[in-house]
Amino acid sequence: MVETHDIVRPPKELVDGLAAIGSATASSELNKLGVRSAHIRGPVSFTAGISVAGPALTLQFMPKREDLYPVDEYAEPEKQLHRHVMYHTQPGDMIVVDARGDMASGVFGEMMLTYFKGRGGRGVIVDGCIRDIGKARGLGLGLWLRGATPNFHSQTDIFPTAVNVPVACGNTVVEPGDIVVADDDGAVVVPIKLAPALLTAASEHAEWEEFSRIRLEQGGDMRRYYPLSAEARPEYEEWLAAQAGSAATGHGV
């Protein structure tokens, strides 16, 4: 039942662009593109303030059968498949784990997450738990989890079965190499085929929201500025042109 593959990573500029827009904008714009189930439901941020995006390395768990997998925490380490998802890590990667929503087994602990961080990993999304949560939070990784537990990965009812295959994390399909955008609001999976269109739409969305935010802070009428009305669009276009001019000359507005 052991299955492990490498992934095809998207262009870095595409990932960086999506990281800048955040999960809320990614989710709403994906909905307009026809993907309503992009939010990975269940895992929440355990590392407030961290906002990242990166290609998904995936790890799949299944209900445990003791004859298929060693139960001892340190028995035959290289046969313990959860280690192998880490071996694929390149800088900027995210790990997405279908741990079946299990609240008893800790998929990773401090040592493995330290290795992931050292390899340049950026974040971990687990539909389940990790352990050593206090020390894990101090690593600087983004962590989106259902919870924490003192147990090791196969101590209770699940065991890892495949690396870099399509998984269902939080009842959302994640394919290896999909881009995951994650922040305090949660984690959203961006299908790689839709990523360029999403970035274009989301960048425009982020720009008018920034303009609207400024006007709302100044006491502007929400009916005019949020969402941006047709009446306010000429004002927005003027602001956008001023921003572009300031960027070209190196001066702020």
Protein backbone atom coordinates (compact mmCIF):
# COMPACT_ATOMS: atom_id res chain seq x y z
CA MET A 1 0.00 0.00 0.00
CA VAL A 2 3.08 2.27 0.02
CA GLU A 3 2.83 4.93 -2.67
CA THR A 4 5.07 7.98 -3.05
CA HIS A 5 5.62 10.42 -5.94
CA ASP A 6 7.25 13.79 -6.59
CA ILE A 7 5.24 16.92 -7.54
CA VAL A 8 5.32 19.50 -10.31
CA ARG A 9 5.77 22.93 -8.73
CA PRO A 10 4.13 26.08 -10.12
CA PRO A 11 6.16 29.19 -10.99
CA LYS A 12 7.40 31.08 -7.93
CA GLU A 13 5.93 34.39 -9.11
CA LEU A 14 2.49 32.79 -9.26
CA VAL A 15 2.82 31.48 -5.70
CA ASP A 16 4.12 34.80 -4.40
CA GLY A 17 1.27 36.66 -6.05
CA LEU A 18 -1.33 34.41 -4.45
CA ALA A 19 0.36 34.71 -1.05
CA ALA A 20 -0.21 38.47 -1.21
CA ILE A 21 -3.98 38.21 -1.75
CA GLY A 22 -4.87 36.05 1.27
CA SER A 23 -7.31 33.20 1.80
CA ALA A 24 -10.52 35.26 1.93
CA THR A 25 -10.01 36.86 -1.47
CA ALA A 26 -8.80 33.55 -2.90
CA SER A 27 -11.94 31.79 -1.67
CA SER A 28 -14.38 34.40 -2.96
CA GLU A 29 -12.73 34.69 -6.36
CA LEU A 30 -12.51 30.90 -6.75
CA ASN A 31 -16.23 30.78 -6.06
CA LYS A 32 -16.75 33.10 -9.06
CA LEU A 33 -14.59 30.72 -11.11
CA GLY A 34 -16.89 27.83 -10.21
CA VAL A 35 -15.00 26.23 -7.28
CA ARG A 36 -17.18 26.42 -4.16
CA SER A 37 -15.27 23.88 -2.06
CA ALA A 38 -11.82 25.48 -1.90
CA HIS A 39 -11.78 26.07 1.86
CA ILE A 40 -10.14 23.23 3.83
CA ARG A 41 -12.70 23.00 6.62
CA GLY A 42 -11.69 21.86 10.09
CA PRO A 43 -8.03 22.84 10.44
CA VAL A 44 -7.61 26.34 11.91
CA SER A 45 -4.58 28.53 12.48
CA PHE A 46 -2.46 27.72 15.52
CA THR A 47 0.14 30.36 14.56
CA ALA A 48 -1.62 33.70 14.49
CA GLY A 49 -0.30 36.29 12.08
CA ILE A 50 1.42 33.91 9.68
CA SER A 51 0.24 34.24 6.06
CA VAL A 52 1.80 31.94 3.45
CA ALA A 53 1.22 30.18 0.16
CA GLY A 54 3.01 27.28 -1.46
CA PRO A 55 2.67 24.11 -3.51
CA ALA A 56 1.16 21.14 -1.71
CA LEU A 57 3.03 18.03 -0.75
CA THR A 58 0.30 15.58 0.29
CA LEU A 59 0.15 12.79 2.85
CA GLN A 60 -2.71 10.32 3.13
CA PHE A 61 -3.74 8.34 6.21
CA MET A 62 -6.16 5.43 6.43
CA PRO A 63 -7.72 3.42 9.28
CA LYS A 64 -4.98 1.37 10.94
CA ARG A 65 -4.28 -2.27 10.23
CA GLU A 66 -1.49 -3.47 12.47
CA ASP A 67 -0.30 -6.10 9.98
CA LEU A 68 0.39 -3.38 7.40
CA TYR A 69 2.34 -0.91 9.48
CA PRO A 70 4.69 -0.96 12.51
CA VAL A 71 3.04 0.47 15.62
CA ASP A 72 6.26 1.21 17.55
CA GLU A 73 7.17 4.91 17.32
CA TYR A 74 10.78 4.26 16.29
CA ALA A 75 10.53 0.80 14.68
CA GLU A 76 12.00 0.61 11.16
CA PRO A 77 12.03 4.38 10.67
CA GLU A 78 12.33 4.35 6.87
CA LYS A 79 9.21 2.20 6.58
CA GLN A 80 7.23 4.91 8.39
CA LEU A 81 5.74 6.71 5.44
CA HIS A 82 4.96 10.01 7.14
CA ARG A 83 8.71 10.69 7.10
CA HIS A 84 8.82 10.36 3.31
CA VAL A 85 6.61 13.36 2.58
CA MET A 86 9.28 15.45 4.30
CA TYR A 87 12.01 14.13 1.99
CA HIS A 88 10.38 15.85 -1.00
CA THR A 89 10.54 19.29 0.65
CA GLN A 90 11.88 22.23 -1.31
CA PRO A 91 11.88 25.86 -0.12
CA GLY A 92 8.36 27.28 -0.03
CA ASP A 93 6.50 23.97 0.11
CA MET A 94 3.41 23.25 2.20
CA ILE A 95 2.42 19.83 3.57
CA VAL A 96 -1.26 18.90 3.46
CA VAL A 97 -2.33 15.86 5.47
CA ASP A 98 -5.55 13.88 5.24
CA ALA A 99 -5.51 12.48 8.77
CA ARG A 100 -9.23 11.62 8.60
CA GLY A 101 -10.10 14.23 11.23
CA ASP A 102 -8.55 11.94 13.84
CA MET A 103 -8.07 13.71 17.18
CA ALA A 104 -5.89 11.06 18.84
CA SER A 105 -2.80 10.59 16.64
CA GLY A 106 -0.11 13.25 16.30
CA VAL A 107 0.92 13.19 12.64
CA PHE A 108 4.19 15.08 13.24
CA GLY A 109 6.15 16.22 16.26
CA GLU A 110 8.83 18.81 16.97
CA MET A 111 11.74 16.89 15.45
CA MET A 112 10.13 16.20 12.09
CA LEU A 113 8.75 19.72 11.85
CA THR A 114 12.22 21.07 12.65
CA TYR A 115 13.56 19.06 9.71
CA PHE A 116 10.79 20.44 7.47
CA LYS A 117 11.59 23.98 8.55
CA GLY A 118 15.29 23.40 7.93
CA ARG A 119 14.53 22.29 4.38
CA GLY A 120 12.66 25.51 3.71
CA GLY A 121 9.09 24.34 4.34
CA ARG A 122 6.55 27.10 5.04
CA GLY A 123 3.43 25.54 6.48
CA VAL A 124 1.55 22.41 7.47
CA ILE A 125 -2.20 21.76 7.19
CA VAL A 126 -3.43 18.68 9.06
CA ASP A 127 -7.00 17.41 9.15
CA GLY A 128 -6.12 16.03 12.57
CA CYS A 129 -3.42 16.71 15.15
CA ILE A 130 0.27 17.13 15.77
CA ARG A 131 2.13 16.82 19.05
CA ASP A 132 4.78 18.99 20.78
CA ILE A 133 2.55 21.94 19.92
CA GLY A 134 4.33 24.42 22.19
CA LYS A 135 7.72 23.84 20.60
CA ALA A 136 6.23 23.50 17.13
CA ARG A 137 4.72 26.98 17.39
CA GLY A 138 8.19 28.37 18.04
CA LEU A 139 9.61 27.10 14.74
CA GLY A 140 8.15 29.89 12.63
CA LEU A 141 6.11 27.55 10.44
CA GLY A 142 2.46 28.16 9.72
CA LEU A 143 0.32 25.49 11.41
CA TRP A 144 -3.32 24.81 10.51
CA LEU A 145 -4.66 21.94 12.61
CA ARG A 146 -7.70 20.49 14.31
CA GLY A 147 -5.79 20.19 17.57
CA ALA A 148 -2.91 18.71 19.51
CA THR A 149 -2.28 15.37 21.21
CA PRO A 150 0.56 13.68 23.14
CA ASN A 151 0.29 10.53 20.97
CA PHE A 152 2.57 9.62 18.06
CA HIS A 153 1.34 9.23 14.49
CA SER A 154 0.16 5.60 14.46
CA GLN A 155 -0.39 5.12 18.19
CA THR A 156 -4.16 4.96 17.89
CA ASP A 157 -6.44 4.44 14.88
CA ILE A 158 -4.72 5.66 11.69
CA PHE A 159 -1.56 5.05 9.68
CA PRO A 160 0.06 6.76 6.66
CA THR A 161 -0.45 5.06 3.31
CA ALA A 162 0.59 7.39 0.44
CA VAL A 163 2.66 10.46 -0.37
CA ASN A 164 1.87 12.97 -3.12
CA VAL A 165 -1.45 11.50 -4.22
CA PRO A 166 -4.81 13.34 -4.29
CA VAL A 167 -6.17 13.60 -0.73
CA ALA A 168 -9.37 14.77 0.93
CA CYS A 169 -8.25 17.23 3.61
CA GLY A 170 -11.11 18.77 5.55
CA ASN A 171 -13.48 17.27 2.96
CA THR A 172 -11.68 19.22 0.22
CA VAL A 173 -9.73 17.61 -2.60
CA VAL A 174 -6.07 18.63 -2.72
CA GLU A 175 -3.90 17.42 -5.56
CA PRO A 176 -0.10 17.37 -5.28
CA GLY A 177 1.26 20.66 -6.59
CA ASP A 178 -1.94 22.63 -6.01
CA ILE A 179 -1.24 25.98 -4.36
CA VAL A 180 -2.41 26.35 -0.77
CA VAL A 181 -3.07 29.89 0.50
CA ALA A 182 -3.31 30.02 4.29
CA ASP A 183 -3.60 32.70 6.97
CA ASP A 184 -5.62 33.50 10.10
CA ASP A 185 -8.90 32.87 8.23
CA GLY A 186 -7.90 29.33 7.30
CA ALA A 187 -6.46 27.40 4.35
CA VAL A 188 -7.72 27.49 0.76
CA VAL A 189 -6.60 25.18 -2.03
CA VAL A 190 -6.11 26.76 -5.46
CA PRO A 191 -6.34 24.26 -8.35
CA ILE A 192 -3.19 24.80 -10.35
CA LYS A 193 -5.09 25.18 -13.64
CA LEU A 194 -7.09 28.09 -12.20
CA ALA A 195 -4.21 29.82 -10.45
CA PRO A 196 -3.32 32.34 -13.22
CA ALA A 197 -6.94 33.42 -13.70
CA LEU A 198 -7.41 33.65 -9.95
CA LEU A 199 -4.32 35.83 -9.54
CA THR A 200 -5.53 38.25 -12.22
CA ALA A 201 -9.01 38.55 -10.71
CA ALA A 202 -7.79 38.65 -7.12
CA SER A 203 -5.17 41.32 -7.79
CA GLU A 204 -7.87 43.64 -9.17
CA HIS A 205 -10.09 42.77 -6.20
CA ALA A 206 -7.28 43.59 -3.75
CA GLU A 207 -6.64 46.94 -5.45
CA TRP A 208 -10.22 48.20 -5.28
CA GLU A 209 -10.58 46.91 -1.72
CA GLU A 210 -7.52 48.92 -0.71
CA PHE A 211 -9.03 52.04 -2.26
CA SER A 212 -12.38 51.33 -0.59
CA ARG A 213 -10.73 50.73 2.76
CA ILE A 214 -9.07 54.14 2.57
CA ARG A 215 -12.35 55.84 1.74
CA LEU A 216 -14.23 54.01 4.50
CA GLU A 217 -11.57 55.04 7.02
CA GLN A 218 -12.15 58.62 5.88
CA GLY A 219 -15.85 58.28 6.64
CA GLY A 220 -17.02 57.45 3.11
CA ASP A 221 -20.44 55.97 2.41
CA MET A 222 -20.35 52.15 2.44
CA ARG A 223 -23.08 52.10 -0.21
CA ARG A 224 -20.67 53.90 -2.53
CA TYR A 225 -17.43 52.15 -1.66
CA TYR A 226 -18.18 48.58 -0.54
CA PRO A 227 -18.51 46.93 -2.87
CA LEU A 228 -17.13 49.50 -5.25
CA SER A 229 -20.08 51.09 -7.04
CA ALA A 230 -20.20 52.18 -10.66
CA GLU A 231 -20.46 55.77 -9.43
CA ALA A 232 -17.19 55.44 -7.48
CA ARG A 233 -15.25 53.69 -10.24
CA PRO A 234 -13.96 56.87 -11.93
CA GLU A 235 -12.65 58.01 -8.56
CA TYR A 236 -11.01 54.59 -8.10
CA GLU A 237 -9.43 54.74 -11.57
CA GLU A 238 -7.98 58.16 -10.76
CA TRP A 239 -6.57 56.83 -7.47
CA LEU A 240 -5.10 53.80 -9.27
CA ALA A 241 -3.39 56.01 -11.86
CA ALA A 242 -1.94 58.16 -9.06
CA GLN A 243 -0.61 55.03 -7.35
CA ALA A 244 1.06 53.88 -10.56
CA GLY A 245 2.60 57.32 -11.09
CA SER A 246 3.94 57.38 -7.54
CA ALA A 247 5.46 53.95 -7.97
CA ALA A 248 7.18 55.07 -11.20
CA THR A 249 8.70 58.16 -9.57
CA GLY A 250 9.47 56.54 -6.25
CA HIS A 251 7.21 58.86 -4.27
CA GLY A 252 4.22 57.92 -2.13
CA VAL A 253 0.75 59.37 -2.43
